[in-house]
Amino acid sequence: IIGYDGAAYRSQLLENRKEILPVMTIVLY
């Protein structure tokens, strides 16, 4: 999960966003 969320933040940085969006992931068991 931390890998998924980290990749989502990284992709936003690569897009040179002015504001970084919060990332939320939930697991359905």
PDB file of all heavy atoms in Angstrom:
ATOM      1  N   ILE A   1       0.828  -1.205   0.000  1.00  0.00           N
ATOM      2  CA  ILE A   1       0.000   0.000   0.000  1.00  0.00           C
ATOM      3  C   ILE A   1       0.865   1.260   0.000  1.00  0.00           C
ATOM      4  O   ILE A   1       0.595   2.223  -0.727  1.00  0.00           O
ATOM      5  CB  ILE A   1      -0.952   0.015   1.216  1.00  0.00           C
ATOM      6  CG1 ILE A   1      -1.915  -1.177   1.138  1.00  0.00           C
ATOM      7  CG2 ILE A   1      -1.738   1.323   1.265  1.00  0.00           C
ATOM      8  CD1 ILE A   1      -2.756  -1.237  -0.113  1.00  0.00           C
ATOM      9  N   ILE A   2       1.920   1.261   0.814  1.00  0.00           N
ATOM     10  CA  ILE A   2       2.795   2.440   0.831  1.00  0.00           C
ATOM     11  C   ILE A   2       3.483   2.603  -0.524  1.00  0.00           C
ATOM     12  O   ILE A   2       3.759   3.713  -0.973  1.00  0.00           O
ATOM     13  CB  ILE A   2       3.841   2.346   1.971  1.00  0.00           C
ATOM     14  CG1 ILE A   2       4.518   3.708   2.162  1.00  0.00           C
ATOM     15  CG2 ILE A   2       4.892   1.283   1.702  1.00  0.00           C
ATOM     16  CD1 ILE A   2       5.491   3.747   3.336  1.00  0.00           C
ATOM     17  N   GLY A   3       3.719   1.491  -1.212  1.00  0.00           N
ATOM     18  CA  GLY A   3       4.297   1.561  -2.555  1.00  0.00           C
ATOM     19  C   GLY A   3       3.327   2.180  -3.541  1.00  0.00           C
ATOM     20  O   GLY A   3       3.716   3.029  -4.370  1.00  0.00           O
ATOM     21  N   TYR A   4       2.046   1.782  -3.463  1.00  0.00           N
ATOM     22  CA  TYR A   4       1.026   2.364  -4.338  1.00  0.00           C
ATOM     23  C   TYR A   4       0.888   3.865  -4.087  1.00  0.00           C
ATOM     24  O   TYR A   4       0.873   4.679  -5.017  1.00  0.00           O
ATOM     25  CB  TYR A   4      -0.328   1.699  -4.084  1.00  0.00           C
ATOM     26  CG  TYR A   4      -0.425   0.259  -4.528  1.00  0.00           C
ATOM     27  CD1 TYR A   4      -1.278  -0.628  -3.864  1.00  0.00           C
ATOM     28  CD2 TYR A   4       0.304  -0.217  -5.610  1.00  0.00           C
ATOM     29  CE1 TYR A   4      -1.387  -1.952  -4.266  1.00  0.00           C
ATOM     30  CE2 TYR A   4       0.205  -1.529  -6.014  1.00  0.00           C
ATOM     31  CZ  TYR A   4      -0.650  -2.403  -5.335  1.00  0.00           C
ATOM     32  OH  TYR A   4      -0.749  -3.703  -5.728  1.00  0.00           O
ATOM     33  N   ASP A   5       0.763   4.230  -2.809  1.00  0.00           N
ATOM     34  CA  ASP A   5       0.558   5.637  -2.472  1.00  0.00           C
ATOM     35  C   ASP A   5       1.790   6.469  -2.822  1.00  0.00           C
ATOM     36  O   ASP A   5       1.673   7.594  -3.322  1.00  0.00           O
ATOM     37  CB  ASP A   5       0.229   5.781  -0.987  1.00  0.00           C
ATOM     38  CG  ASP A   5      -1.145   5.209  -0.645  1.00  0.00           C
ATOM     39  OD1 ASP A   5      -1.870   4.810  -1.580  1.00  0.00           O
ATOM     40  OD2 ASP A   5      -1.488   5.161   0.543  1.00  0.00           O
ATOM     41  N   GLY A   6       2.975   5.912  -2.570  1.00  0.00           N
ATOM     42  CA  GLY A   6       4.200   6.627  -2.907  1.00  0.00           C
ATOM     43  C   GLY A   6       4.312   6.880  -4.400  1.00  0.00           C
ATOM     44  O   GLY A   6       4.732   7.962  -4.831  1.00  0.00           O
ATOM     45  N   ALA A   7       3.907   5.868  -5.192  1.00  0.00           N
ATOM     46  CA  ALA A   7       3.952   6.025  -6.651  1.00  0.00           C
ATOM     47  C   ALA A   7       2.979   7.104  -7.106  1.00  0.00           C
ATOM     48  O   ALA A   7       3.257   7.857  -8.052  1.00  0.00           O
ATOM     49  CB  ALA A   7       3.616   4.698  -7.325  1.00  0.00           C
ATOM     50  N   ALA A   8       1.831   7.211  -6.424  1.00  0.00           N
ATOM     51  CA  ALA A   8       0.836   8.233  -6.777  1.00  0.00           C
ATOM     52  C   ALA A   8       1.373   9.632  -6.476  1.00  0.00           C
ATOM     53  O   ALA A   8       1.152  10.580  -7.245  1.00  0.00           O
ATOM     54  CB  ALA A   8      -0.464   7.989  -6.018  1.00  0.00           C
ATOM     55  N   TYR A   9       2.083   9.773  -5.361  1.00  0.00           N
ATOM     56  CA  TYR A   9       2.685  11.071  -5.035  1.00  0.00           C
ATOM     57  C   TYR A   9       3.813  11.397  -6.011  1.00  0.00           C
ATOM     58  O   TYR A   9       3.963  12.527  -6.466  1.00  0.00           O
ATOM     59  CB  TYR A   9       3.222  11.059  -3.601  1.00  0.00           C
ATOM     60  CG  TYR A   9       2.134  11.177  -2.555  1.00  0.00           C
ATOM     61  CD1 TYR A   9       1.926  10.160  -1.621  1.00  0.00           C
ATOM     62  CD2 TYR A   9       1.315  12.309  -2.495  1.00  0.00           C
ATOM     63  CE1 TYR A   9       0.930  10.261  -0.652  1.00  0.00           C
ATOM     64  CE2 TYR A   9       0.317  12.422  -1.537  1.00  0.00           C
ATOM     65  CZ  TYR A   9       0.123  11.397  -0.617  1.00  0.00           C
ATOM     66  OH  TYR A   9      -0.874  11.506   0.324  1.00  0.00           O
ATOM     67  N   ARG A  10       4.603  10.389  -6.336  1.00  0.00           N
ATOM     68  CA  ARG A  10       5.734  10.600  -7.251  1.00  0.00           C
ATOM     69  C   ARG A  10       5.235  11.054  -8.628  1.00  0.00           C
ATOM     70  O   ARG A  10       5.809  11.967  -9.236  1.00  0.00           O
ATOM     71  CB  ARG A  10       6.548   9.313  -7.391  1.00  0.00           C
ATOM     72  CG  ARG A  10       7.705   9.428  -8.372  1.00  0.00           C
ATOM     73  CD  ARG A  10       8.530   8.155  -8.400  1.00  0.00           C
ATOM     74  NE  ARG A  10       9.522   8.170  -9.466  1.00  0.00           N
ATOM     75  CZ  ARG A  10      10.664   8.843  -9.427  1.00  0.00           C
ATOM     76  NH1 ARG A  10      10.969   9.567  -8.358  1.00  0.00           N
ATOM     77  NH2 ARG A  10      11.510   8.799 -10.430  1.00  0.00           N
ATOM     78  N   SER A  11       4.167  10.424  -9.113  1.00  0.00           N
ATOM     79  CA  SER A  11       3.643  10.793 -10.427  1.00  0.00           C
ATOM     80  C   SER A  11       3.147  12.234 -10.436  1.00  0.00           C
ATOM     81  O   SER A  11       3.254  12.936 -11.451  1.00  0.00           O
ATOM     82  CB  SER A  11       2.509   9.844 -10.831  1.00  0.00           C
ATOM     83  OG  SER A  11       1.396   9.985  -9.971  1.00  0.00           O
ATOM     84  N   GLN A  12       2.619  12.688  -9.298  1.00  0.00           N
ATOM     85  CA  GLN A  12       2.166  14.079  -9.212  1.00  0.00           C
ATOM     86  C   GLN A  12       3.364  15.034  -9.274  1.00  0.00           C
ATOM     87  O   GLN A  12       3.297  16.099  -9.902  1.00  0.00           O
ATOM     88  CB  GLN A  12       1.392  14.309  -7.916  1.00  0.00           C
ATOM     89  CG  GLN A  12       0.049  13.589  -7.858  1.00  0.00           C
ATOM     90  CD  GLN A  12      -0.737  13.963  -6.610  1.00  0.00           C
ATOM     91  OE1 GLN A  12      -1.283  15.065  -6.514  1.00  0.00           O
ATOM     92  NE2 GLN A  12      -0.782  13.053  -5.655  1.00  0.00           N
ATOM     93  N   LEU A  13       4.456  14.652  -8.631  1.00  0.00           N
ATOM     94  CA  LEU A  13       5.665  15.484  -8.666  1.00  0.00           C
ATOM     95  C   LEU A  13       6.214  15.580 -10.085  1.00  0.00           C
ATOM     96  O   LEU A  13       6.662  16.643 -10.526  1.00  0.00           O
ATOM     97  CB  LEU A  13       6.726  14.899  -7.735  1.00  0.00           C
ATOM     98  CG  LEU A  13       6.429  14.982  -6.231  1.00  0.00           C
ATOM     99  CD1 LEU A  13       7.477  14.205  -5.445  1.00  0.00           C
ATOM    100  CD2 LEU A  13       6.384  16.445  -5.772  1.00  0.00           C
ATOM    101  N   LEU A  14       6.156  14.445 -10.795  1.00  0.00           N
ATOM    102  CA  LEU A  14       6.654  14.425 -12.166  1.00  0.00           C
ATOM    103  C   LEU A  14       5.783  15.271 -13.095  1.00  0.00           C
ATOM    104  O   LEU A  14       6.234  15.733 -14.140  1.00  0.00           O
ATOM    105  CB  LEU A  14       6.719  12.984 -12.689  1.00  0.00           C
ATOM    106  CG  LEU A  14       7.746  12.078 -12.000  1.00  0.00           C
ATOM    107  CD1 LEU A  14       7.637  10.643 -12.522  1.00  0.00           C
ATOM    108  CD2 LEU A  14       9.162  12.614 -12.220  1.00  0.00           C
ATOM    109  N   GLU A  15       4.537  15.474 -12.703  1.00  0.00           N
ATOM    110  CA  GLU A  15       3.625  16.298 -13.494  1.00  0.00           C
ATOM    111  C   GLU A  15       3.782  17.779 -13.179  1.00  0.00           C
ATOM    112  O   GLU A  15       3.105  18.630 -13.772  1.00  0.00           O
ATOM    113  CB  GLU A  15       2.173  15.876 -13.224  1.00  0.00           C
ATOM    114  CG  GLU A  15       1.835  14.486 -13.734  1.00  0.00           C
ATOM    115  CD  GLU A  15       0.462  14.030 -13.269  1.00  0.00           C
ATOM    116  OE1 GLU A  15      -0.246  14.834 -12.611  1.00  0.00           O
ATOM    117  OE2 GLU A  15       0.080  12.883 -13.562  1.00  0.00           O
ATOM    118  N   ASN A  16       4.669  18.072 -12.213  1.00  0.00           N
ATOM    119  CA  ASN A  16       4.917  19.460 -11.802  1.00  0.00           C
ATOM    120  C   ASN A  16       3.640  20.167 -11.356  1.00  0.00           C
ATOM    121  O   ASN A  16       3.367  21.323 -11.728  1.00  0.00           O
ATOM    122  CB  ASN A  16       5.573  20.250 -12.944  1.00  0.00           C
ATOM    123  CG  ASN A  16       6.963  19.742 -13.258  1.00  0.00           C
ATOM    124  OD1 ASN A  16       7.744  19.452 -12.358  1.00  0.00           O
ATOM    125  ND2 ASN A  16       7.269  19.640 -14.544  1.00  0.00           N
ATOM    126  N   ARG A  17       2.845  19.469 -10.561  1.00  0.00           N
ATOM    127  CA  ARG A  17       1.609  20.061 -10.050  1.00  0.00           C
ATOM    128  C   ARG A  17       1.920  21.200  -9.080  1.00  0.00           C
ATOM    129  O   ARG A  17       2.871  21.130  -8.302  1.00  0.00           O
ATOM    130  CB  ARG A  17       0.767  19.003  -9.326  1.00  0.00           C
ATOM    131  CG  ARG A  17       0.055  18.027 -10.258  1.00  0.00           C
ATOM    132  CD  ARG A  17      -0.656  16.964  -9.431  1.00  0.00           C
ATOM    133  NE  ARG A  17      -1.508  16.142 -10.272  1.00  0.00           N
ATOM    134  CZ  ARG A  17      -2.790  16.374 -10.472  1.00  0.00           C
ATOM    135  NH1 ARG A  17      -3.376  17.412  -9.885  1.00  0.00           N
ATOM    136  NH2 ARG A  17      -3.497  15.576 -11.243  1.00  0.00           N
ATOM    137  N   LYS A  18       1.065  22.215  -9.099  1.00  0.00           N
ATOM    138  CA  LYS A  18       1.228  23.328  -8.162  1.00  0.00           C
ATOM    139  C   LYS A  18       0.839  22.895  -6.758  1.00  0.00           C
ATOM    140  O   LYS A  18       1.420  23.341  -5.776  1.00  0.00           O
ATOM    141  CB  LYS A  18       0.367  24.515  -8.611  1.00  0.00           C
ATOM    142  CG  LYS A  18       0.829  25.154  -9.916  1.00  0.00           C
ATOM    143  CD  LYS A  18      -0.040  26.351 -10.270  1.00  0.00           C
ATOM    144  CE  LYS A  18       0.438  27.008 -11.567  1.00  0.00           C
ATOM    145  NZ  LYS A  18      -0.419  28.179 -11.923  1.00  0.00           N
ATOM    146  N   GLU A  19      -0.182  22.032  -6.677  1.00  0.00           N
ATOM    147  CA  GLU A  19      -0.623  21.511  -5.391  1.00  0.00           C
ATOM    148  C   GLU A  19      -0.687  19.989  -5.467  1.00  0.00           C
ATOM    149  O   GLU A  19      -1.245  19.436  -6.417  1.00  0.00           O
ATOM    150  CB  GLU A  19      -1.995  22.071  -5.013  1.00  0.00           C
ATOM    151  CG  GLU A  19      -2.000  23.570  -4.743  1.00  0.00           C
ATOM    152  CD  GLU A  19      -3.335  24.055  -4.238  1.00  0.00           C
ATOM    153  OE1 GLU A  19      -4.220  23.208  -3.987  1.00  0.00           O
ATOM    154  OE2 GLU A  19      -3.503  25.283  -4.096  1.00  0.00           O
ATOM    155  N   ILE A  20      -0.130  19.340  -4.470  1.00  0.00           N
ATOM    156  CA  ILE A  20      -0.151  17.880  -4.423  1.00  0.00           C
ATOM    157  C   ILE A  20      -1.433  17.393  -3.759  1.00  0.00           C
ATOM    158  O   ILE A  20      -1.794  17.841  -2.658  1.00  0.00           O
ATOM    159  CB  ILE A  20       1.069  17.341  -3.642  1.00  0.00           C
ATOM    160  CG1 ILE A  20       2.368  17.807  -4.305  1.00  0.00           C
ATOM    161  CG2 ILE A  20       1.023  15.818  -3.558  1.00  0.00           C
ATOM    162  CD1 ILE A  20       2.551  17.313  -5.723  1.00  0.00           C
ATOM    163  N   LEU A  21      -2.131  16.482  -4.433  1.00  0.00           N
ATOM    164  CA  LEU A  21      -3.380  15.949  -3.895  1.00  0.00           C
ATOM    165  C   LEU A  21      -3.111  14.864  -2.858  1.00  0.00           C
ATOM    166  O   LEU A  21      -2.190  14.050  -3.023  1.00  0.00           O
ATOM    167  CB  LEU A  21      -4.222  15.346  -5.024  1.00  0.00           C
ATOM    168  CG  LEU A  21      -4.653  16.269  -6.158  1.00  0.00           C
ATOM    169  CD1 LEU A  21      -5.381  15.465  -7.234  1.00  0.00           C
ATOM    170  CD2 LEU A  21      -5.543  17.376  -5.630  1.00  0.00           C
ATOM    171  N   PRO A  22      -3.904  14.816  -1.797  1.00  0.00           N
ATOM    172  CA  PRO A  22      -3.758  13.729  -0.829  1.00  0.00           C
ATOM    173  C   PRO A  22      -4.176  12.409  -1.470  1.00  0.00           C
ATOM    174  O   PRO A  22      -5.073  12.370  -2.317  1.00  0.00           O
ATOM    175  CB  PRO A  22      -4.715  14.125   0.302  1.00  0.00           C
ATOM    176  CG  PRO A  22      -5.723  15.014  -0.356  1.00  0.00           C
ATOM    177  CD  PRO A  22      -4.970  15.756  -1.413  1.00  0.00           C
ATOM    178  N   VAL A  23      -3.487  11.340  -1.093  1.00  0.00           N
ATOM    179  CA  VAL A  23      -3.770  10.009  -1.649  1.00  0.00           C
ATOM    180  C   VAL A  23      -4.317   9.113  -0.542  1.00  0.00           C
ATOM    181  O   VAL A  23      -3.716   9.016   0.530  1.00  0.00           O
ATOM    182  CB  VAL A  23      -2.508   9.371  -2.254  1.00  0.00           C
ATOM    183  CG1 VAL A  23      -2.824   7.983  -2.817  1.00  0.00           C
ATOM    184  CG2 VAL A  23      -1.938  10.270  -3.346  1.00  0.00           C
ATOM    185  N   MET A  24      -5.434   8.456  -0.805  1.00  0.00           N
ATOM    186  CA  MET A  24      -6.040   7.547   0.159  1.00  0.00           C
ATOM    187  C   MET A  24      -6.274   6.194  -0.488  1.00  0.00           C
ATOM    188  O   MET A  24      -6.805   6.106  -1.597  1.00  0.00           O
ATOM    189  CB  MET A  24      -7.382   8.103   0.645  1.00  0.00           C
ATOM    190  CG  MET A  24      -8.105   7.183   1.630  1.00  0.00           C
ATOM    191  SD  MET A  24      -9.903   7.412   1.633  1.00  0.00           S
ATOM    192  CE  MET A  24     -10.374   6.662   0.076  1.00  0.00           C
ATOM    193  N   THR A  25      -5.867   5.135   0.192  1.00  0.00           N
ATOM    194  CA  THR A  25      -6.109   3.778  -0.304  1.00  0.00           C
ATOM    195  C   THR A  25      -6.746   2.950   0.811  1.00  0.00           C
ATOM    196  O   THR A  25      -6.251   2.952   1.945  1.00  0.00           O
ATOM    197  CB  THR A  25      -4.804   3.095  -0.741  1.00  0.00           C
ATOM    198  OG1 THR A  25      -4.196   3.860  -1.784  1.00  0.00           O
ATOM    199  CG2 THR A  25      -5.084   1.686  -1.252  1.00  0.00           C
ATOM    200  N   ILE A  26      -7.820   2.254   0.491  1.00  0.00           N
ATOM    201  CA  ILE A  26      -8.438   1.353   1.465  1.00  0.00           C
ATOM    202  C   ILE A  26      -8.380  -0.072   0.918  1.00  0.00           C
ATOM    203  O   ILE A  26      -8.356  -0.284  -0.300  1.00  0.00           O
ATOM    204  CB  ILE A  26      -9.901   1.729   1.779  1.00  0.00           C
ATOM    205  CG1 ILE A  26     -10.776   1.651   0.510  1.00  0.00           C
ATOM    206  CG2 ILE A  26      -9.982   3.105   2.398  1.00  0.00           C
ATOM    207  CD1 ILE A  26     -12.267   1.865   0.788  1.00  0.00           C
ATOM    208  N   VAL A  27      -8.319  -1.025   1.827  1.00  0.00           N
ATOM    209  CA  VAL A  27      -8.277  -2.440   1.459  1.00  0.00           C
ATOM    210  C   VAL A  27      -9.606  -3.081   1.837  1.00  0.00           C
ATOM    211  O   VAL A  27     -10.057  -2.960   2.985  1.00  0.00           O
ATOM    212  CB  VAL A  27      -7.133  -3.173   2.185  1.00  0.00           C
ATOM    213  CG1 VAL A  27      -7.165  -4.669   1.851  1.00  0.00           C
ATOM    214  CG2 VAL A  27      -5.790  -2.568   1.799  1.00  0.00           C
ATOM    215  N   LEU A  28     -10.245  -3.742   0.873  1.00  0.00           N
ATOM    216  CA  LEU A  28     -11.478  -4.477   1.137  1.00  0.00           C
ATOM    217  C   LEU A  28     -11.115  -5.948   1.294  1.00  0.00           C
ATOM    218  O   LEU A  28     -10.654  -6.585   0.350  1.00  0.00           O
ATOM    219  CB  LEU A  28     -12.478  -4.299  -0.007  1.00  0.00           C
ATOM    220  CG  LEU A  28     -12.850  -2.857  -0.379  1.00  0.00           C
ATOM    221  CD1 LEU A  28     -13.928  -2.871  -1.461  1.00  0.00           C
ATOM    222  CD2 LEU A  28     -13.311  -2.079   0.838  1.00  0.00           C
ATOM    223  N   TYR A  29     -11.307  -6.470   2.494  1.00  0.00           N
ATOM    224  CA  TYR A  29     -10.972  -7.864   2.791  1.00  0.00           C
ATOM    225  C   TYR A  29     -12.252  -8.697   2.771  1.00  0.00           C
ATOM    226  O   TYR A  29     -13.181  -8.446   3.529  1.00  0.00           O
ATOM    227  CB  TYR A  29     -10.292  -7.946   4.156  1.00  0.00           C
ATOM    228  CG  TYR A  29     -10.074  -9.352   4.664  1.00  0.00           C
ATOM    229  CD1 TYR A  29      -9.347 -10.281   3.922  1.00  0.00           C
ATOM    230  CD2 TYR A  29     -10.594  -9.747   5.895  1.00  0.00           C
ATOM    231  CE1 TYR A  29      -9.144 -11.572   4.391  1.00  0.00           C
ATOM    232  CE2 TYR A  29     -10.382 -11.031   6.375  1.00  0.00           C
ATOM    233  CZ  TYR A  29      -9.672 -11.944   5.620  1.00  0.00           C
ATOM    234  OH  TYR A  29      -9.475 -13.222   6.088  1.00  0.00           O
TER     235      TYR A  29
END
